[in-house]
Amino acid sequence: MLSDPELLRMLADGVATTLRLFAGAFVCGFSIALLLSAINLAPSRIVRAVIALYVEYHRNVPTVVQIMVWYFGMPEVLPQAIRLWINQGNTEFSFALIALSLNVSAYYYEDIRSGIKAIARTQIEAARAIGLGAMQALKYVVLPQAVRYAVPPIINRSLILFKDTSLAMVIGVTELTYQVKKIENATFQTFQIFVISTLIYLAICLLISALGAQVARRYPANFKS
């Protein structure tokens, strides 16, 4: 099987698409989580209630359902001009990226919020006492420490995010699992191709874990390094 260049190309394309989907969802999801964490500090019950509703939806509805809602449902409520513009590109990949980004952002947000709770209130008061504004204290004191506290759970959630990219196959995204299933249908070598895909997923997950452990050592919550 591995001697067939066409099958190797399909596997390589699948891995590349999986990594692009994972990287895009990680960056977008983490950015959204930081934004939500900052907004949640606003003294508004309505804002906090909206964020809480956002988080509960994305944490309690199955990820595959969220992907299908975006792919099958959202185009129906969008204006026709926007719908046509979206359909000109890689629609499946785009909607899978949006769904996964929003989904993981809810988990990242909870991790960062827990990190914020771990910061002593006196640090924020000290930051304000030396002349930092609310946004400056948030940017330079609160979020940097909160993210460090949140590194271990963020790493764990990132591993789950990587594995969740396989769910994008339900809407036709040509990621690794989609390509593996396509190869299996063409060759009928079920055991061999799924062993290969398992090893690929395992290798990448171990790499993400190793990189995450390196980040955790480099940026410990106690700031001693």
C-alpha atoms as a PDB file:
ATOM      1  CA  MET A   1       0.000   0.000   0.000  1.00  0.00           C
ATOM      2  CA  LEU A   2       2.710   2.471   0.951  1.00  0.00           C
ATOM      3  CA  SER A   3       4.434   1.785  -2.360  1.00  0.00           C
ATOM      4  CA  ASP A   4       1.535   3.353  -4.270  1.00  0.00           C
ATOM      5  CA  PRO A   5       2.362   7.050  -4.821  1.00  0.00           C
ATOM      6  CA  GLU A   6      -1.295   7.989  -5.308  1.00  0.00           C
ATOM      7  CA  LEU A   7      -2.283   6.519  -1.944  1.00  0.00           C
ATOM      8  CA  LEU A   8       0.658   8.238  -0.291  1.00  0.00           C
ATOM      9  CA  ARG A   9      -0.423  11.534  -1.844  1.00  0.00           C
ATOM     10  CA  MET A  10      -3.945  11.072  -0.495  1.00  0.00           C
ATOM     11  CA  LEU A  11      -2.604  10.365   2.992  1.00  0.00           C
ATOM     12  CA  ALA A  12      -0.281  13.368   2.825  1.00  0.00           C
ATOM     13  CA  ASP A  13      -3.125  15.612   1.670  1.00  0.00           C
ATOM     14  CA  GLY A  14      -5.289  14.321   4.502  1.00  0.00           C
ATOM     15  CA  VAL A  15      -2.617  14.991   7.113  1.00  0.00           C
ATOM     16  CA  ALA A  16      -2.012  18.480   5.710  1.00  0.00           C
ATOM     17  CA  THR A  17      -5.725  19.330   5.816  1.00  0.00           C
ATOM     18  CA  THR A  18      -6.033  17.963   9.354  1.00  0.00           C
ATOM     19  CA  LEU A  19      -3.100  20.056  10.547  1.00  0.00           C
ATOM     20  CA  ARG A  20      -4.429  23.191   8.837  1.00  0.00           C
ATOM     21  CA  LEU A  21      -7.832  22.666  10.424  1.00  0.00           C
ATOM     22  CA  PHE A  22      -6.284  22.054  13.847  1.00  0.00           C
ATOM     23  CA  ALA A  23      -3.924  25.043  13.669  1.00  0.00           C
ATOM     24  CA  GLY A  24      -6.650  27.374  12.427  1.00  0.00           C
ATOM     25  CA  ALA A  25      -9.139  26.276  15.084  1.00  0.00           C
ATOM     26  CA  PHE A  26      -6.487  26.539  17.804  1.00  0.00           C
ATOM     27  CA  VAL A  27      -5.484  30.103  16.891  1.00  0.00           C
ATOM     28  CA  CYS A  28      -9.055  31.317  16.329  1.00  0.00           C
ATOM     29  CA  GLY A  29     -10.436  29.510  19.368  1.00  0.00           C
ATOM     30  CA  PHE A  30      -7.719  30.792  21.695  1.00  0.00           C
ATOM     31  CA  SER A  31      -8.147  34.350  20.408  1.00  0.00           C
ATOM     32  CA  ILE A  32     -11.914  34.190  20.961  1.00  0.00           C
ATOM     33  CA  ALA A  33     -11.350  32.789  24.460  1.00  0.00           C
ATOM     34  CA  LEU A  34      -9.035  35.682  25.366  1.00  0.00           C
ATOM     35  CA  LEU A  35     -11.609  38.155  24.074  1.00  0.00           C
ATOM     36  CA  LEU A  36     -14.406  36.498  26.026  1.00  0.00           C
ATOM     37  CA  SER A  37     -12.251  36.469  29.168  1.00  0.00           C
ATOM     38  CA  ALA A  38     -11.666  40.204  28.851  1.00  0.00           C
ATOM     39  CA  ILE A  39     -15.321  40.988  28.119  1.00  0.00           C
ATOM     40  CA  ASN A  40     -16.506  38.836  31.016  1.00  0.00           C
ATOM     41  CA  LEU A  41     -14.694  41.140  33.438  1.00  0.00           C
ATOM     42  CA  ALA A  42     -17.100  43.939  32.502  1.00  0.00           C
ATOM     43  CA  PRO A  43     -19.539  44.825  35.315  1.00  0.00           C
ATOM     44  CA  SER A  44     -22.601  43.777  33.339  1.00  0.00           C
ATOM     45  CA  ARG A  45     -24.863  40.886  34.227  1.00  0.00           C
ATOM     46  CA  ILE A  46     -26.306  40.818  30.721  1.00  0.00           C
ATOM     47  CA  VAL A  47     -22.848  40.447  29.149  1.00  0.00           C
ATOM     48  CA  ARG A  48     -21.904  37.677  31.555  1.00  0.00           C
ATOM     49  CA  ALA A  49     -25.216  35.921  30.949  1.00  0.00           C
ATOM     50  CA  VAL A  50     -24.708  36.003  27.169  1.00  0.00           C
ATOM     51  CA  ILE A  51     -21.185  34.595  27.542  1.00  0.00           C
ATOM     52  CA  ALA A  52     -22.469  31.900  29.919  1.00  0.00           C
ATOM     53  CA  LEU A  53     -25.126  30.912  27.365  1.00  0.00           C
ATOM     54  CA  TYR A  54     -22.470  30.799  24.624  1.00  0.00           C
ATOM     55  CA  VAL A  55     -20.266  28.550  26.738  1.00  0.00           C
ATOM     56  CA  GLU A  56     -23.068  26.218  27.780  1.00  0.00           C
ATOM     57  CA  TYR A  57     -24.197  25.726  24.197  1.00  0.00           C
ATOM     58  CA  HIS A  58     -20.744  24.852  22.896  1.00  0.00           C
ATOM     59  CA  ARG A  59     -19.906  22.604  25.844  1.00  0.00           C
ATOM     60  CA  ASN A  60     -23.167  20.642  25.909  1.00  0.00           C
ATOM     61  CA  VAL A  61     -24.095  20.189  22.249  1.00  0.00           C
ATOM     62  CA  PRO A  62     -22.096  17.439  20.482  1.00  0.00           C
ATOM     63  CA  THR A  63     -19.328  18.848  18.324  1.00  0.00           C
ATOM     64  CA  VAL A  64     -20.477  16.950  15.260  1.00  0.00           C
ATOM     65  CA  VAL A  65     -23.931  18.519  15.616  1.00  0.00           C
ATOM     66  CA  GLN A  66     -22.370  21.979  15.801  1.00  0.00           C
ATOM     67  CA  ILE A  67     -20.448  21.275  12.605  1.00  0.00           C
ATOM     68  CA  MET A  68     -23.599  20.188  10.812  1.00  0.00           C
ATOM     69  CA  VAL A  69     -25.548  23.197  12.108  1.00  0.00           C
ATOM     70  CA  TRP A  70     -22.966  25.511  10.573  1.00  0.00           C
ATOM     71  CA  TYR A  71     -22.736  23.620   7.297  1.00  0.00           C
ATOM     72  CA  PHE A  72     -26.385  22.780   6.697  1.00  0.00           C
ATOM     73  CA  GLY A  73     -28.188  25.388   8.783  1.00  0.00           C
ATOM     74  CA  MET A  74     -26.277  28.665   8.663  1.00  0.00           C
ATOM     75  CA  PRO A  75     -26.317  29.095   4.850  1.00  0.00           C
ATOM     76  CA  GLU A  76     -30.116  29.073   5.018  1.00  0.00           C
ATOM     77  CA  VAL A  77     -30.236  32.169   7.238  1.00  0.00           C
ATOM     78  CA  LEU A  78     -27.451  34.134   5.569  1.00  0.00           C
ATOM     79  CA  PRO A  79     -28.168  36.746   2.887  1.00  0.00           C
ATOM     80  CA  GLN A  80     -27.877  35.351  -0.612  1.00  0.00           C
ATOM     81  CA  ALA A  81     -24.887  37.532  -1.492  1.00  0.00           C
ATOM     82  CA  ILE A  82     -22.907  36.212   1.469  1.00  0.00           C
ATOM     83  CA  ARG A  83     -24.035  32.659   0.733  1.00  0.00           C
ATOM     84  CA  LEU A  84     -22.808  32.890  -2.867  1.00  0.00           C
ATOM     85  CA  TRP A  85     -19.502  34.379  -1.721  1.00  0.00           C
ATOM     86  CA  ILE A  86     -18.966  31.538   0.763  1.00  0.00           C
ATOM     87  CA  ASN A  87     -19.840  28.903  -1.821  1.00  0.00           C
ATOM     88  CA  GLN A  88     -17.080  30.164  -4.097  1.00  0.00           C
ATOM     89  CA  GLY A  89     -14.442  28.871  -1.704  1.00  0.00           C
ATOM     90  CA  ASN A  90     -13.831  25.670   0.245  1.00  0.00           C
ATOM     91  CA  THR A  91     -17.187  25.770   2.015  1.00  0.00           C
ATOM     92  CA  GLU A  92     -16.770  22.515   3.922  1.00  0.00           C
ATOM     93  CA  PHE A  93     -13.391  23.470   5.355  1.00  0.00           C
ATOM     94  CA  SER A  94     -14.529  27.006   6.229  1.00  0.00           C
ATOM     95  CA  PHE A  95     -17.615  25.918   8.152  1.00  0.00           C
ATOM     96  CA  ALA A  96     -15.728  23.121   9.922  1.00  0.00           C
ATOM     97  CA  LEU A  97     -13.089  25.661  10.959  1.00  0.00           C
ATOM     98  CA  ILE A  98     -15.730  28.047  12.301  1.00  0.00           C
ATOM     99  CA  ALA A  99     -17.545  25.313  14.214  1.00  0.00           C
ATOM    100  CA  LEU A 100     -14.398  23.859  15.767  1.00  0.00           C
ATOM    101  CA  SER A 101     -13.037  27.316  16.635  1.00  0.00           C
ATOM    102  CA  LEU A 102     -16.210  28.357  18.430  1.00  0.00           C
ATOM    103  CA  ASN A 103     -16.485  25.003  20.165  1.00  0.00           C
ATOM    104  CA  VAL A 104     -12.959  24.951  21.536  1.00  0.00           C
ATOM    105  CA  SER A 105     -13.083  28.638  22.481  1.00  0.00           C
ATOM    106  CA  ALA A 106     -15.703  27.820  25.125  1.00  0.00           C
ATOM    107  CA  TYR A 107     -13.344  25.319  26.761  1.00  0.00           C
ATOM    108  CA  TYR A 108     -10.310  27.586  26.492  1.00  0.00           C
ATOM    109  CA  TYR A 109     -12.375  30.386  28.014  1.00  0.00           C
ATOM    110  CA  GLU A 110     -13.273  28.245  31.024  1.00  0.00           C
ATOM    111  CA  ASP A 111      -9.613  27.299  31.474  1.00  0.00           C
ATOM    112  CA  ILE A 112      -8.509  30.938  31.346  1.00  0.00           C
ATOM    113  CA  ARG A 113     -11.341  32.011  33.652  1.00  0.00           C
ATOM    114  CA  SER A 114     -10.149  29.458  36.200  1.00  0.00           C
ATOM    115  CA  GLY A 115      -6.654  30.917  35.830  1.00  0.00           C
ATOM    116  CA  ILE A 116      -8.004  34.409  36.481  1.00  0.00           C
ATOM    117  CA  LYS A 117      -9.676  33.182  39.670  1.00  0.00           C
ATOM    118  CA  ALA A 118      -6.304  31.825  40.831  1.00  0.00           C
ATOM    119  CA  ILE A 119      -4.733  35.301  40.709  1.00  0.00           C
ATOM    120  CA  ALA A 120      -4.693  37.143  44.005  1.00  0.00           C
ATOM    121  CA  ARG A 121      -6.916  40.210  44.040  1.00  0.00           C
ATOM    122  CA  THR A 122      -4.051  42.150  45.607  1.00  0.00           C
ATOM    123  CA  GLN A 123      -2.074  41.886  42.369  1.00  0.00           C
ATOM    124  CA  ILE A 124      -4.793  43.668  40.442  1.00  0.00           C
ATOM    125  CA  GLU A 125      -5.062  46.302  43.162  1.00  0.00           C
ATOM    126  CA  ALA A 126      -1.283  46.785  43.080  1.00  0.00           C
ATOM    127  CA  ALA A 127      -1.362  47.192  39.292  1.00  0.00           C
ATOM    128  CA  ARG A 128      -4.010  49.893  39.605  1.00  0.00           C
ATOM    129  CA  ALA A 129      -2.077  51.523  42.445  1.00  0.00           C
ATOM    130  CA  ILE A 130       1.005  52.048  40.249  1.00  0.00           C
ATOM    131  CA  GLY A 131      -1.053  53.790  37.624  1.00  0.00           C
ATOM    132  CA  LEU A 132      -2.155  51.037  35.243  1.00  0.00           C
ATOM    133  CA  GLY A 133      -5.609  51.416  33.768  1.00  0.00           C
ATOM    134  CA  ALA A 134      -8.149  48.612  33.805  1.00  0.00           C
ATOM    135  CA  MET A 135      -7.236  47.398  30.305  1.00  0.00           C
ATOM    136  CA  GLN A 136      -3.508  47.724  31.025  1.00  0.00           C
ATOM    137  CA  ALA A 137      -3.860  45.689  34.211  1.00  0.00           C
ATOM    138  CA  LEU A 138      -5.782  43.097  32.251  1.00  0.00           C
ATOM    139  CA  LYS A 139      -3.189  42.987  29.461  1.00  0.00           C
ATOM    140  CA  TYR A 140      -0.002  43.066  31.522  1.00  0.00           C
ATOM    141  CA  VAL A 141      -0.976  41.475  34.846  1.00  0.00           C
ATOM    142  CA  VAL A 142      -4.141  39.385  34.676  1.00  0.00           C
ATOM    143  CA  LEU A 143      -4.176  37.554  31.334  1.00  0.00           C
ATOM    144  CA  PRO A 144      -0.441  36.626  31.205  1.00  0.00           C
ATOM    145  CA  GLN A 145      -0.712  34.903  34.586  1.00  0.00           C
ATOM    146  CA  ALA A 146      -4.122  33.385  33.855  1.00  0.00           C
ATOM    147  CA  VAL A 147      -2.858  31.828  30.624  1.00  0.00           C
ATOM    148  CA  ARG A 148       0.108  30.319  32.457  1.00  0.00           C
ATOM    149  CA  TYR A 149      -2.173  28.778  35.050  1.00  0.00           C
ATOM    150  CA  ALA A 150      -4.329  27.450  32.212  1.00  0.00           C
ATOM    151  CA  VAL A 151      -1.525  25.855  30.169  1.00  0.00           C
ATOM    152  CA  PRO A 152      -2.065  22.219  31.346  1.00  0.00           C
ATOM    153  CA  PRO A 153      -5.837  22.122  30.656  1.00  0.00           C
ATOM    154  CA  ILE A 154      -5.334  24.021  27.394  1.00  0.00           C
ATOM    155  CA  ILE A 155      -2.869  21.345  26.274  1.00  0.00           C
ATOM    156  CA  ASN A 156      -5.376  18.603  27.107  1.00  0.00           C
ATOM    157  CA  ARG A 157      -8.152  20.408  25.277  1.00  0.00           C
ATOM    158  CA  SER A 158      -5.878  20.960  22.276  1.00  0.00           C
ATOM    159  CA  LEU A 159      -5.328  17.222  22.036  1.00  0.00           C
ATOM    160  CA  ILE A 160      -9.087  16.713  22.004  1.00  0.00           C
ATOM    161  CA  LEU A 161      -9.382  19.443  19.368  1.00  0.00           C
ATOM    162  CA  PHE A 162      -6.881  17.661  17.148  1.00  0.00           C
ATOM    163  CA  LYS A 163      -8.841  14.423  17.404  1.00  0.00           C
ATOM    164  CA  ASP A 164     -12.123  16.269  16.825  1.00  0.00           C
ATOM    165  CA  THR A 165     -10.880  17.393  13.410  1.00  0.00           C
ATOM    166  CA  SER A 166     -11.846  13.905  12.239  1.00  0.00           C
ATOM    167  CA  LEU A 167     -15.506  14.867  12.766  1.00  0.00           C
ATOM    168  CA  ALA A 168     -15.224  17.256   9.828  1.00  0.00           C
ATOM    169  CA  MET A 169     -15.451  14.260   7.504  1.00  0.00           C
ATOM    170  CA  VAL A 170     -19.238  14.240   8.015  1.00  0.00           C
ATOM    171  CA  ILE A 171     -19.540  17.345   5.826  1.00  0.00           C
ATOM    172  CA  GLY A 172     -16.930  16.217   3.294  1.00  0.00           C
ATOM    173  CA  VAL A 173     -13.752  17.893   4.540  1.00  0.00           C
ATOM    174  CA  THR A 174     -10.903  15.879   3.027  1.00  0.00           C
ATOM    175  CA  GLU A 175      -8.951  15.501   6.263  1.00  0.00           C
ATOM    176  CA  LEU A 176      -7.083  12.362   7.289  1.00  0.00           C
ATOM    177  CA  THR A 177     -10.051  10.218   8.334  1.00  0.00           C
ATOM    178  CA  TYR A 178     -11.945  11.120   5.164  1.00  0.00           C
ATOM    179  CA  GLN A 179      -8.953  10.140   3.009  1.00  0.00           C
ATOM    180  CA  VAL A 180      -8.431   6.934   4.982  1.00  0.00           C
ATOM    181  CA  LYS A 181     -12.043   5.922   4.438  1.00  0.00           C
ATOM    182  CA  LYS A 182     -11.711   6.759   0.736  1.00  0.00           C
ATOM    183  CA  ILE A 183      -8.584   4.605   0.448  1.00  0.00           C
ATOM    184  CA  GLU A 184     -10.277   1.775   2.329  1.00  0.00           C
ATOM    185  CA  ASN A 185     -13.231   1.840  -0.056  1.00  0.00           C
ATOM    186  CA  ALA A 186     -10.873   1.709  -3.046  1.00  0.00           C
ATOM    187  CA  THR A 187      -8.463  -0.975  -1.827  1.00  0.00           C
ATOM    188  CA  PHE A 188     -10.554  -3.000   0.686  1.00  0.00           C
ATOM    189  CA  GLN A 189      -7.426  -3.194   2.865  1.00  0.00           C
ATOM    190  CA  THR A 190      -9.298  -2.145   5.995  1.00  0.00           C
ATOM    191  CA  PHE A 191      -6.886  -3.353   8.648  1.00  0.00           C
ATOM    192  CA  GLN A 192      -3.747  -1.976   7.029  1.00  0.00           C
ATOM    193  CA  ILE A 193      -5.051   1.513   6.286  1.00  0.00           C
ATOM    194  CA  PHE A 194      -6.626   1.976   9.713  1.00  0.00           C
ATOM    195  CA  VAL A 195      -3.440   0.823  11.437  1.00  0.00           C
ATOM    196  CA  ILE A 196      -1.531   3.405   9.414  1.00  0.00           C
ATOM    197  CA  SER A 197      -4.011   6.168  10.287  1.00  0.00           C
ATOM    198  CA  THR A 198      -3.908   5.159  13.956  1.00  0.00           C
ATOM    199  CA  LEU A 199      -0.124   5.464  13.991  1.00  0.00           C
ATOM    200  CA  ILE A 200      -0.310   8.869  12.289  1.00  0.00           C
ATOM    201  CA  TYR A 201      -2.825  10.196  14.817  1.00  0.00           C
ATOM    202  CA  LEU A 202      -0.799   8.739  17.688  1.00  0.00           C
ATOM    203  CA  ALA A 203       2.448  10.275  16.452  1.00  0.00           C
ATOM    204  CA  ILE A 204       0.936  13.738  16.034  1.00  0.00           C
ATOM    205  CA  CYS A 205      -0.815  13.581  19.429  1.00  0.00           C
ATOM    206  CA  LEU A 206       2.439  12.608  21.112  1.00  0.00           C
ATOM    207  CA  LEU A 207       4.165  15.500  19.337  1.00  0.00           C
ATOM    208  CA  ILE A 208       1.508  17.944  20.543  1.00  0.00           C
ATOM    209  CA  SER A 209       1.867  16.569  24.085  1.00  0.00           C
ATOM    210  CA  ALA A 210       5.647  16.976  23.943  1.00  0.00           C
ATOM    211  CA  LEU A 211       5.377  20.542  22.650  1.00  0.00           C
ATOM    212  CA  GLY A 212       2.772  21.323  25.303  1.00  0.00           C
ATOM    213  CA  ALA A 213       4.997  19.927  28.054  1.00  0.00           C
ATOM    214  CA  GLN A 214       7.853  22.079  26.767  1.00  0.00           C
ATOM    215  CA  VAL A 215       5.626  25.172  26.864  1.00  0.00           C
ATOM    216  CA  ALA A 216       4.497  24.307  30.406  1.00  0.00           C
ATOM    217  CA  ARG A 217       8.118  24.043  31.541  1.00  0.00           C
ATOM    218  CA  ARG A 218       9.096  27.217  29.733  1.00  0.00           C
ATOM    219  CA  TYR A 219       6.193  29.250  31.091  1.00  0.00           C
ATOM    220  CA  PRO A 220       5.317  27.874  34.547  1.00  0.00           C
ATOM    221  CA  ALA A 221       2.546  29.511  36.536  1.00  0.00           C
ATOM    222  CA  ASN A 222       4.963  30.398  39.348  1.00  0.00           C
ATOM    223  CA  PHE A 223       7.126  32.509  36.979  1.00  0.00           C
ATOM    224  CA  LYS A 224      10.371  31.076  38.380  1.00  0.00           C
ATOM    225  CA  SER A 225      11.935  30.219  35.026  1.00  0.00           C
END
